[in-house]
PDB file of all heavy atoms in Angstrom:
ATOM      1  N   PRO A   1      -0.688   0.640  15.834  1.00  0.00           N
ATOM      2  CA  PRO A   1      -1.812  -0.171  16.325  1.00  0.00           C
ATOM      3  C   PRO A   1      -2.231  -1.279  15.365  1.00  0.00           C
ATOM      4  O   PRO A   1      -2.849  -2.263  15.785  1.00  0.00           O
ATOM      5  CB  PRO A   1      -2.931   0.855  16.513  1.00  0.00           C
ATOM      6  CG  PRO A   1      -2.236   2.165  16.662  1.00  0.00           C
ATOM      7  CD  PRO A   1      -1.039   2.065  15.771  1.00  0.00           C
ATOM      8  N   TRP A   2      -1.921  -1.117  14.079  1.00  0.00           N
ATOM      9  CA  TRP A   2      -2.354  -2.086  13.076  1.00  0.00           C
ATOM     10  C   TRP A   2      -1.246  -3.043  12.650  1.00  0.00           C
ATOM     11  O   TRP A   2      -1.452  -3.862  11.754  1.00  0.00           O
ATOM     12  CB  TRP A   2      -2.901  -1.350  11.848  1.00  0.00           C
ATOM     13  CG  TRP A   2      -4.116  -0.533  12.162  1.00  0.00           C
ATOM     14  CD1 TRP A   2      -4.184   0.817  12.309  1.00  0.00           C
ATOM     15  CD2 TRP A   2      -5.434  -1.034  12.389  1.00  0.00           C
ATOM     16  NE1 TRP A   2      -5.459   1.200  12.612  1.00  0.00           N
ATOM     17  CE2 TRP A   2      -6.251   0.086  12.672  1.00  0.00           C
ATOM     18  CE3 TRP A   2      -6.000  -2.310  12.389  1.00  0.00           C
ATOM     19  CZ2 TRP A   2      -7.613  -0.031  12.949  1.00  0.00           C
ATOM     20  CZ3 TRP A   2      -7.354  -2.440  12.662  1.00  0.00           C
ATOM     21  CH2 TRP A   2      -8.148  -1.314  12.943  1.00  0.00           C
ATOM     22  N   GLU A   3      -0.077  -2.958  13.284  1.00  0.00           N
ATOM     23  CA  GLU A   3       1.034  -3.838  12.921  1.00  0.00           C
ATOM     24  C   GLU A   3       0.620  -5.305  13.056  1.00  0.00           C
ATOM     25  O   GLU A   3       0.113  -5.739  14.084  1.00  0.00           O
ATOM     26  CB  GLU A   3       2.232  -3.568  13.822  1.00  0.00           C
ATOM     27  CG  GLU A   3       3.462  -4.407  13.463  1.00  0.00           C
ATOM     28  CD  GLU A   3       4.575  -4.198  14.478  1.00  0.00           C
ATOM     29  OE1 GLU A   3       4.563  -4.889  15.520  1.00  0.00           O
ATOM     30  OE2 GLU A   3       5.444  -3.342  14.228  1.00  0.00           O
ATOM     31  N   GLY A   4       0.842  -6.089  11.993  1.00  0.00           N
ATOM     32  CA  GLY A   4       0.514  -7.507  12.007  1.00  0.00           C
ATOM     33  C   GLY A   4      -0.927  -7.831  11.707  1.00  0.00           C
ATOM     34  O   GLY A   4      -1.279  -9.007  11.533  1.00  0.00           O
ATOM     35  N   VAL A   5      -1.799  -6.814  11.625  1.00  0.00           N
ATOM     36  CA  VAL A   5      -3.228  -7.030  11.407  1.00  0.00           C
ATOM     37  C   VAL A   5      -3.521  -7.092   9.912  1.00  0.00           C
ATOM     38  O   VAL A   5      -2.912  -6.383   9.113  1.00  0.00           O
ATOM     39  CB  VAL A   5      -4.050  -5.907  12.067  1.00  0.00           C
ATOM     40  CG1 VAL A   5      -5.544  -6.081  11.796  1.00  0.00           C
ATOM     41  CG2 VAL A   5      -3.791  -5.864  13.572  1.00  0.00           C
ATOM     42  N   LEU A   6      -4.467  -7.929   9.524  1.00  0.00           N
ATOM     43  CA  LEU A   6      -4.932  -8.000   8.143  1.00  0.00           C
ATOM     44  C   LEU A   6      -5.773  -6.760   7.858  1.00  0.00           C
ATOM     45  O   LEU A   6      -6.823  -6.557   8.471  1.00  0.00           O
ATOM     46  CB  LEU A   6      -5.761  -9.270   7.936  1.00  0.00           C
ATOM     47  CG  LEU A   6      -6.309  -9.529   6.525  1.00  0.00           C
ATOM     48  CD1 LEU A   6      -5.180  -9.698   5.523  1.00  0.00           C
ATOM     49  CD2 LEU A   6      -7.219 -10.754   6.530  1.00  0.00           C
ATOM     50  N   VAL A   7      -5.289  -5.911   6.935  1.00  0.00           N
ATOM     51  CA  VAL A   7      -5.950  -4.628   6.676  1.00  0.00           C
ATOM     52  C   VAL A   7      -6.339  -4.512   5.207  1.00  0.00           C
ATOM     53  O   VAL A   7      -5.912  -5.297   4.355  1.00  0.00           O
ATOM     54  CB  VAL A   7      -5.046  -3.441   7.073  1.00  0.00           C
ATOM     55  CG1 VAL A   7      -4.717  -3.483   8.556  1.00  0.00           C
ATOM     56  CG2 VAL A   7      -3.765  -3.417   6.227  1.00  0.00           C
ATOM     57  N   ARG A   8      -7.136  -3.472   4.935  1.00  0.00           N
ATOM     58  CA  ARG A   8      -7.593  -3.191   3.572  1.00  0.00           C
ATOM     59  C   ARG A   8      -7.563  -1.681   3.360  1.00  0.00           C
ATOM     60  O   ARG A   8      -8.093  -0.922   4.182  1.00  0.00           O
ATOM     61  CB  ARG A   8      -9.023  -3.708   3.373  1.00  0.00           C
ATOM     62  CG  ARG A   8      -9.663  -3.355   2.024  1.00  0.00           C
ATOM     63  CD  ARG A   8     -11.107  -3.851   1.997  1.00  0.00           C
ATOM     64  NE  ARG A   8     -11.810  -3.503   0.765  1.00  0.00           N
ATOM     65  CZ  ARG A   8     -11.782  -4.228  -0.351  1.00  0.00           C
ATOM     66  NH1 ARG A   8     -11.073  -5.351  -0.362  1.00  0.00           N
ATOM     67  NH2 ARG A   8     -12.437  -3.867  -1.429  1.00  0.00           N
ATOM     68  N   ILE A   9      -6.905  -1.247   2.287  1.00  0.00           N
ATOM     69  CA  ILE A   9      -6.924   0.160   1.905  1.00  0.00           C
ATOM     70  C   ILE A   9      -7.608   0.262   0.554  1.00  0.00           C
ATOM     71  O   ILE A   9      -7.484  -0.626  -0.297  1.00  0.00           O
ATOM     72  CB  ILE A   9      -5.506   0.767   1.854  1.00  0.00           C
ATOM     73  CG1 ILE A   9      -4.580  -0.057   0.945  1.00  0.00           C
ATOM     74  CG2 ILE A   9      -4.925   0.863   3.253  1.00  0.00           C
ATOM     75  CD1 ILE A   9      -3.193   0.555   0.762  1.00  0.00           C
ATOM     76  N   GLU A  10      -8.353   1.346   0.356  1.00  0.00           N
ATOM     77  CA  GLU A  10      -9.140   1.510  -0.860  1.00  0.00           C
ATOM     78  C   GLU A  10      -8.877   2.871  -1.483  1.00  0.00           C
ATOM     79  O   GLU A  10      -8.402   3.794  -0.832  1.00  0.00           O
ATOM     80  CB  GLU A  10     -10.632   1.362  -0.545  1.00  0.00           C
ATOM     81  CG  GLU A  10     -11.021   0.005   0.018  1.00  0.00           C
ATOM     82  CD  GLU A  10     -12.497  -0.087   0.348  1.00  0.00           C
ATOM     83  OE1 GLU A  10     -13.152   0.974   0.445  1.00  0.00           O
ATOM     84  OE2 GLU A  10     -13.006  -1.217   0.509  1.00  0.00           O
ATOM     85  N   GLY A  11      -9.228   2.996  -2.765  1.00  0.00           N
ATOM     86  CA  GLY A  11      -9.098   4.266  -3.461  1.00  0.00           C
ATOM     87  C   GLY A  11      -9.917   4.248  -4.731  1.00  0.00           C
ATOM     88  O   GLY A  11     -10.540   3.236  -5.068  1.00  0.00           O
ATOM     89  N   MET A  12      -9.921   5.368  -5.462  1.00  0.00           N
ATOM     90  CA  MET A  12     -10.705   5.440  -6.704  1.00  0.00           C
ATOM     91  C   MET A  12      -9.840   5.869  -7.894  1.00  0.00           C
ATOM     92  O   MET A  12     -10.174   6.834  -8.587  1.00  0.00           O
ATOM     93  CB  MET A  12     -11.870   6.411  -6.507  1.00  0.00           C
ATOM     94  CG  MET A  12     -12.879   5.956  -5.483  1.00  0.00           C
ATOM     95  SD  MET A  12     -13.740   4.424  -5.920  1.00  0.00           S
ATOM     96  CE  MET A  12     -14.731   4.955  -7.315  1.00  0.00           C
ATOM     97  N   PRO A  13      -8.795   5.150  -8.285  1.00  0.00           N
ATOM     98  CA  PRO A  13      -8.220   4.029  -7.547  1.00  0.00           C
ATOM     99  C   PRO A  13      -7.075   4.507  -6.651  1.00  0.00           C
ATOM    100  O   PRO A  13      -6.821   5.699  -6.534  1.00  0.00           O
ATOM    101  CB  PRO A  13      -7.673   3.154  -8.672  1.00  0.00           C
ATOM    102  CG  PRO A  13      -7.206   4.171  -9.697  1.00  0.00           C
ATOM    103  CD  PRO A  13      -8.177   5.331  -9.603  1.00  0.00           C
ATOM    104  N   LEU A  14      -6.374   3.534  -6.046  1.00  0.00           N
ATOM    105  CA  LEU A  14      -5.109   3.804  -5.383  1.00  0.00           C
ATOM    106  C   LEU A  14      -4.045   3.874  -6.476  1.00  0.00           C
ATOM    107  O   LEU A  14      -3.728   2.873  -7.107  1.00  0.00           O
ATOM    108  CB  LEU A  14      -4.749   2.687  -4.404  1.00  0.00           C
ATOM    109  CG  LEU A  14      -5.584   2.566  -3.129  1.00  0.00           C
ATOM    110  CD1 LEU A  14      -5.325   1.212  -2.480  1.00  0.00           C
ATOM    111  CD2 LEU A  14      -5.260   3.690  -2.165  1.00  0.00           C
ATOM    112  N   SER A  15      -3.495   5.025  -6.711  1.00  0.00           N
ATOM    113  CA  SER A  15      -2.553   5.200  -7.812  1.00  0.00           C
ATOM    114  C   SER A  15      -1.126   4.893  -7.370  1.00  0.00           C
ATOM    115  O   SER A  15      -0.724   5.250  -6.258  1.00  0.00           O
ATOM    116  CB  SER A  15      -2.616   6.633  -8.346  1.00  0.00           C
ATOM    117  OG  SER A  15      -3.893   6.902  -8.901  1.00  0.00           O
ATOM    118  N   VAL A  16      -0.368   4.242  -8.244  1.00  0.00           N
ATOM    119  CA  VAL A  16       1.053   4.034  -7.996  1.00  0.00           C
ATOM    120  C   VAL A  16       1.749   5.378  -8.194  1.00  0.00           C
ATOM    121  O   VAL A  16       1.671   5.969  -9.270  1.00  0.00           O
ATOM    122  CB  VAL A  16       1.634   2.974  -8.952  1.00  0.00           C
ATOM    123  CG1 VAL A  16       3.135   2.825  -8.732  1.00  0.00           C
ATOM    124  CG2 VAL A  16       0.926   1.641  -8.770  1.00  0.00           C
ATOM    125  N   VAL A  17       2.409   5.852  -7.142  1.00  0.00           N
ATOM    126  CA  VAL A  17       3.020   7.176  -7.199  1.00  0.00           C
ATOM    127  C   VAL A  17       4.542   7.131  -7.215  1.00  0.00           C
ATOM    128  O   VAL A  17       5.183   8.136  -7.531  1.00  0.00           O
ATOM    129  CB  VAL A  17       2.546   8.054  -6.013  1.00  0.00           C
ATOM    130  CG1 VAL A  17       1.054   8.305  -6.106  1.00  0.00           C
ATOM    131  CG2 VAL A  17       2.901   7.415  -4.676  1.00  0.00           C
ATOM    132  N   ALA A  18       5.134   5.989  -6.866  1.00  0.00           N
ATOM    133  CA  ALA A  18       6.597   5.903  -6.867  1.00  0.00           C
ATOM    134  C   ALA A  18       7.028   4.451  -6.911  1.00  0.00           C
ATOM    135  O   ALA A  18       6.310   3.549  -6.451  1.00  0.00           O
ATOM    136  CB  ALA A  18       7.187   6.581  -5.625  1.00  0.00           C
ATOM    137  N   LEU A  19       8.218   4.226  -7.474  1.00  0.00           N
ATOM    138  CA  LEU A  19       8.840   2.901  -7.533  1.00  0.00           C
ATOM    139  C   LEU A  19      10.192   3.016  -6.836  1.00  0.00           C
ATOM    140  O   LEU A  19      11.208   3.305  -7.468  1.00  0.00           O
ATOM    141  CB  LEU A  19       9.010   2.452  -8.985  1.00  0.00           C
ATOM    142  CG  LEU A  19       7.721   2.361  -9.806  1.00  0.00           C
ATOM    143  CD1 LEU A  19       8.041   2.176 -11.278  1.00  0.00           C
ATOM    144  CD2 LEU A  19       6.849   1.229  -9.306  1.00  0.00           C
ATOM    145  N   PRO A  20      10.229   2.807  -5.521  1.00  0.00           N
ATOM    146  CA  PRO A  20      11.457   3.045  -4.759  1.00  0.00           C
ATOM    147  C   PRO A  20      12.517   1.977  -4.912  1.00  0.00           C
ATOM    148  O   PRO A  20      13.617   2.112  -4.380  1.00  0.00           O
ATOM    149  CB  PRO A  20      10.953   3.091  -3.313  1.00  0.00           C
ATOM    150  CG  PRO A  20       9.760   2.203  -3.321  1.00  0.00           C
ATOM    151  CD  PRO A  20       9.112   2.396  -4.658  1.00  0.00           C
ATOM    152  N   GLY A  21      12.228   0.899  -5.617  1.00  0.00           N
ATOM    153  CA  GLY A  21      13.174  -0.192  -5.772  1.00  0.00           C
ATOM    154  C   GLY A  21      12.829  -1.364  -4.897  1.00  0.00           C
ATOM    155  O   GLY A  21      11.822  -1.373  -4.173  1.00  0.00           O
ATOM    156  N   SER A  22      13.667  -2.403  -4.970  1.00  0.00           N
ATOM    157  CA  SER A  22      13.488  -3.630  -4.187  1.00  0.00           C
ATOM    158  C   SER A  22      12.126  -4.264  -4.445  1.00  0.00           C
ATOM    159  O   SER A  22      11.540  -4.882  -3.546  1.00  0.00           O
ATOM    160  CB  SER A  22      13.662  -3.338  -2.688  1.00  0.00           C
ATOM    161  OG  SER A  22      14.946  -2.834  -2.431  1.00  0.00           O
ATOM    162  N   SER A  23      11.597  -4.105  -5.648  1.00  0.00           N
ATOM    163  CA  SER A  23      10.319  -4.714  -6.049  1.00  0.00           C
ATOM    164  C   SER A  23       9.169  -4.282  -5.157  1.00  0.00           C
ATOM    165  O   SER A  23       8.232  -5.046  -4.913  1.00  0.00           O
ATOM    166  CB  SER A  23      10.438  -6.241  -6.069  1.00  0.00           C
ATOM    167  OG  SER A  23      11.370  -6.670  -7.032  1.00  0.00           O
ATOM    168  N   GLU A  24       9.217  -3.055  -4.661  1.00  0.00           N
ATOM    169  CA  GLU A  24       8.121  -2.480  -3.904  1.00  0.00           C
ATOM    170  C   GLU A  24       7.593  -1.253  -4.645  1.00  0.00           C
ATOM    171  O   GLU A  24       8.219  -0.759  -5.573  1.00  0.00           O
ATOM    172  CB  GLU A  24       8.573  -2.104  -2.491  1.00  0.00           C
ATOM    173  CG  GLU A  24       9.042  -3.299  -1.680  1.00  0.00           C
ATOM    174  CD  GLU A  24       9.528  -2.917  -0.293  1.00  0.00           C
ATOM    175  OE1 GLU A  24       9.870  -1.743  -0.074  1.00  0.00           O
ATOM    176  OE2 GLU A  24       9.581  -3.812   0.568  1.00  0.00           O
TER     177      GLU A  24
END
């Protein structure tokens, strides 16, 4: 339902949990 929509995700904080490659 949110494909293409400008969205916002929040956290305290949002922690980086993985580096799958391809600069993502």
